[in-house]
C-alpha atoms as a PDB file:
ATOM      1  CA  UNK A   1       2.130 -19.659   3.096  1.00  0.00           C
ATOM      2  CA  UNK A   2       3.869 -17.539   5.926  1.00  0.00           C
ATOM      3  CA  UNK A   3       2.026 -13.768   6.606  1.00  0.00           C
ATOM      4  CA  UNK A   4       3.124 -10.970   5.657  1.00  0.00           C
ATOM      5  CA  UNK A   5       1.618  -8.338   7.217  1.00  0.00           C
ATOM      6  CA  UNK A   6       2.264  -4.488   6.029  1.00  0.00           C
ATOM      7  CA  UNK A   7       1.166  -1.162   7.432  1.00  0.00           C
ATOM      8  CA  UNK A   8      -1.210   0.776   5.269  1.00  0.00           C
ATOM      9  CA  UNK A   9      -2.367   4.525   6.081  1.00  0.00           C
ATOM     10  CA  UNK A  10      -4.670   6.600   4.010  1.00  0.00           C
ATOM     11  CA  UNK A  11      -4.107  10.403   3.980  1.00  0.00           C
ATOM     12  CA  UNK A  12      -6.542  11.944   6.263  1.00  0.00           C
ATOM     13  CA  UNK A  13      -7.059   8.785   8.394  1.00  0.00           C
ATOM     14  CA  UNK A  14      -5.714   8.607  11.704  1.00  0.00           C
ATOM     15  CA  UNK A  15      -6.040   4.994  11.855  1.00  0.00           C
ATOM     16  CA  UNK A  16      -3.581   2.383   9.845  1.00  0.00           C
ATOM     17  CA  UNK A  17      -4.673  -0.996   8.990  1.00  0.00           C
ATOM     18  CA  UNK A  18      -2.699  -4.114   8.775  1.00  0.00           C
ATOM     19  CA  UNK A  19      -2.868  -6.502   5.729  1.00  0.00           C
ATOM     20  CA  UNK A  20      -1.368  -9.778   5.182  1.00  0.00           C
ATOM     21  CA  UNK A  21      -0.130  -9.680   1.589  1.00  0.00           C
ATOM     22  CA  UNK A  22      -0.018 -13.563   1.697  1.00  0.00           C
ATOM     23  CA  UNK A  23      -3.792 -13.496   1.611  1.00  0.00           C
ATOM     24  CA  UNK A  24      -4.010 -12.278  -2.239  1.00  0.00           C
ATOM     25  CA  UNK A  25      -3.455 -13.221  -5.340  1.00  0.00           C
ATOM     26  CA  UNK A  26      -2.711 -10.289  -7.036  1.00  0.00           C
ATOM     27  CA  UNK A  27      -2.917  -6.601  -7.389  1.00  0.00           C
ATOM     28  CA  UNK A  28      -6.664  -6.197  -7.833  1.00  0.00           C
ATOM     29  CA  UNK A  29      -7.715  -8.664  -4.754  1.00  0.00           C
ATOM     30  CA  UNK A  30      -4.986  -6.384  -2.766  1.00  0.00           C
ATOM     31  CA  UNK A  31      -7.034  -3.176  -4.140  1.00  0.00           C
ATOM     32  CA  UNK A  32     -10.289  -4.712  -3.427  1.00  0.00           C
ATOM     33  CA  UNK A  33      -9.441  -5.392   0.194  1.00  0.00           C
ATOM     34  CA  UNK A  34      -8.438  -1.640   0.456  1.00  0.00           C
ATOM     35  CA  UNK A  35     -11.221  -0.311  -0.962  1.00  0.00           C
ATOM     36  CA  UNK A  36     -13.188  -1.955   1.400  1.00  0.00           C
ATOM     37  CA  UNK A  37     -11.228  -1.316   4.795  1.00  0.00           C
ATOM     38  CA  UNK A  38     -11.026   2.123   4.257  1.00  0.00           C
ATOM     39  CA  UNK A  39     -14.641   2.516   2.967  1.00  0.00           C
ATOM     40  CA  UNK A  40     -13.953   4.062  -0.329  1.00  0.00           C
ATOM     41  CA  UNK A  41     -17.125   2.520  -1.735  1.00  0.00           C
ATOM     42  CA  UNK A  42     -15.731   1.055  -5.367  1.00  0.00           C
ATOM     43  CA  UNK A  43     -13.353   4.656  -5.451  1.00  0.00           C
ATOM     44  CA  UNK A  44     -10.373   2.794  -5.201  1.00  0.00           C
ATOM     45  CA  UNK A  45     -10.954   0.286  -7.930  1.00  0.00           C
ATOM     46  CA  UNK A  46     -12.758   2.322 -10.587  1.00  0.00           C
ATOM     47  CA  UNK A  47     -10.642   3.362 -13.933  1.00  0.00           C
ATOM     48  CA  UNK A  48     -10.713   6.904 -13.240  1.00  0.00           C
ATOM     49  CA  UNK A  49      -9.737   7.083  -9.211  1.00  0.00           C
ATOM     50  CA  UNK A  50      -8.677  10.338  -7.270  1.00  0.00           C
ATOM     51  CA  UNK A  51      -6.597   8.059  -4.888  1.00  0.00           C
ATOM     52  CA  UNK A  52      -3.303   6.919  -5.613  1.00  0.00           C
ATOM     53  CA  UNK A  53      -1.580   3.687  -3.776  1.00  0.00           C
ATOM     54  CA  UNK A  54       2.336   3.290  -3.146  1.00  0.00           C
ATOM     55  CA  UNK A  55       4.602   1.733  -1.252  1.00  0.00           C
ATOM     56  CA  UNK A  56       7.936   2.266   0.251  1.00  0.00           C
ATOM     57  CA  UNK A  57      10.762  -0.525  -0.193  1.00  0.00           C
ATOM     58  CA  UNK A  58      13.732  -1.233   2.363  1.00  0.00           C
ATOM     59  CA  UNK A  59      15.644   1.525   0.733  1.00  0.00           C
ATOM     60  CA  UNK A  60      12.528   4.239   1.474  1.00  0.00           C
ATOM     61  CA  UNK A  61      12.201   4.372  -2.341  1.00  0.00           C
ATOM     62  CA  UNK A  62       8.305   5.170  -3.280  1.00  0.00           C
ATOM     63  CA  UNK A  63       6.672   3.431  -6.587  1.00  0.00           C
ATOM     64  CA  UNK A  64       2.998   3.054  -7.652  1.00  0.00           C
ATOM     65  CA  UNK A  65       1.415  -0.143  -6.264  1.00  0.00           C
ATOM     66  CA  UNK A  66       1.395  -2.240  -9.505  1.00  0.00           C
ATOM     67  CA  UNK A  67       4.481  -0.998 -11.107  1.00  0.00           C
ATOM     68  CA  UNK A  68       6.253  -4.291 -10.067  1.00  0.00           C
ATOM     69  CA  UNK A  69       5.089  -7.848 -10.945  1.00  0.00           C
ATOM     70  CA  UNK A  70       3.130  -9.229  -8.022  1.00  0.00           C
ATOM     71  CA  UNK A  71       4.886 -12.424  -8.783  1.00  0.00           C
ATOM     72  CA  UNK A  72       7.285 -14.279 -11.518  1.00  0.00           C
ATOM     73  CA  UNK A  73       8.046 -17.630 -11.919  1.00  0.00           C
ATOM     74  CA  UNK A  74      11.758 -19.001 -12.501  1.00  0.00           C
ATOM     75  CA  UNK A  75      12.467 -22.890 -12.894  1.00  0.00           C
ATOM     76  CA  UNK A  76       9.433 -23.784 -10.703  1.00  0.00           C
ATOM     77  CA  UNK A  77      10.247 -21.479  -7.890  1.00  0.00           C
ATOM     78  CA  UNK A  78       7.551 -18.825  -7.340  1.00  0.00           C
ATOM     79  CA  UNK A  79       8.846 -15.262  -5.806  1.00  0.00           C
ATOM     80  CA  UNK A  80       6.189 -12.815  -4.868  1.00  0.00           C
ATOM     81  CA  UNK A  81       8.316  -9.833  -6.136  1.00  0.00           C
ATOM     82  CA  UNK A  82       5.860  -7.468  -4.555  1.00  0.00           C
ATOM     83  CA  UNK A  83       5.094  -9.015  -1.470  1.00  0.00           C
ATOM     84  CA  UNK A  84       8.925  -9.217  -0.419  1.00  0.00           C
ATOM     85  CA  UNK A  85       9.877  -5.727  -1.553  1.00  0.00           C
ATOM     86  CA  UNK A  86       6.781  -3.403  -0.226  1.00  0.00           C
ATOM     87  CA  UNK A  87       7.459  -2.385   3.588  1.00  0.00           C
ATOM     88  CA  UNK A  88       4.720   0.216   3.839  1.00  0.00           C
ATOM     89  CA  UNK A  89       1.576   1.285   1.808  1.00  0.00           C
ATOM     90  CA  UNK A  90       0.308   4.474   1.424  1.00  0.00           C
ATOM     91  CA  UNK A  91      -3.253   5.711   0.031  1.00  0.00           C
ATOM     92  CA  UNK A  92      -2.685   9.600  -1.091  1.00  0.00           C
ATOM     93  CA  UNK A  93      -4.903  11.845  -2.838  1.00  0.00           C
ATOM     94  CA  UNK A  94      -4.373  12.328  -6.478  1.00  0.00           C
ATOM     95  CA  UNK A  95      -4.062  16.233  -5.367  1.00  0.00           C
ATOM     96  CA  UNK A  96      -0.945  15.978  -3.425  1.00  0.00           C
ATOM     97  CA  UNK A  97       1.453  17.579  -5.399  1.00  0.00           C
ATOM     98  CA  UNK A  98       4.241  15.208  -6.646  1.00  0.00           C
ATOM     99  CA  UNK A  99       6.973  16.847  -4.721  1.00  0.00           C
ATOM    100  CA  UNK A 100       5.588  16.514  -1.576  1.00  0.00           C
ATOM    101  CA  UNK A 101       4.569  12.419  -1.568  1.00  0.00           C
ATOM    102  CA  UNK A 102       7.578  11.718   0.284  1.00  0.00           C
ATOM    103  CA  UNK A 103       7.086  14.022   3.247  1.00  0.00           C
ATOM    104  CA  UNK A 104       3.322  13.405   3.267  1.00  0.00           C
ATOM    105  CA  UNK A 105       4.026   9.305   3.480  1.00  0.00           C
ATOM    106  CA  UNK A 106       6.580  10.506   7.032  1.00  0.00           C
ATOM    107  CA  UNK A 107       3.812  12.737   8.230  1.00  0.00           C
ATOM    108  CA  UNK A 108       1.244   9.942   8.064  1.00  0.00           C
ATOM    109  CA  UNK A 109       3.541   7.521   9.340  1.00  0.00           C
ATOM    110  CA  UNK A 110       4.321   9.331  11.888  1.00  0.00           C
ATOM    111  CA  UNK A 111       1.274  10.576  13.096  1.00  0.00           C
ATOM    112  CA  UNK A 112       0.006   7.238  13.176  1.00  0.00           C
ATOM    113  CA  UNK A 113       2.941   5.983  15.063  1.00  0.00           C
ATOM    114  CA  UNK A 114       2.354   8.742  17.924  1.00  0.00           C
ATOM    115  CA  UNK A 115      -1.420   8.158  18.264  1.00  0.00           C
ATOM    116  CA  UNK A 116      -0.608   4.025  18.374  1.00  0.00           C
ATOM    117  CA  UNK A 117       1.960   5.032  21.586  1.00  0.00           C
ATOM    118  CA  UNK A 118      -0.622   6.862  23.636  1.00  0.00           C
END
């Protein structure tokens, strides 16, 4: 399977990471990997987590990770829907006001991009 690298940014962190979504079989594996990459010490996989994992698609619509099926099968064809739709993944504090989520994602992405250019 071809790689499917996506940028992941965490609110409050200057560095983003790249993850290959094709390595994971489901959301549980992805979230476990993000938990380890960003040193959450199990907080991302906990039931009462204080962080939200969101993603944007081609149209910059924002959705919670897990809202869409990871994959579906039609006539023996497997489509990894989430892997194909997600363009950027962002980990945000639940304390971020709902109305500011889109601007917060843009702010995190632009600050990381600016630091990468330096």
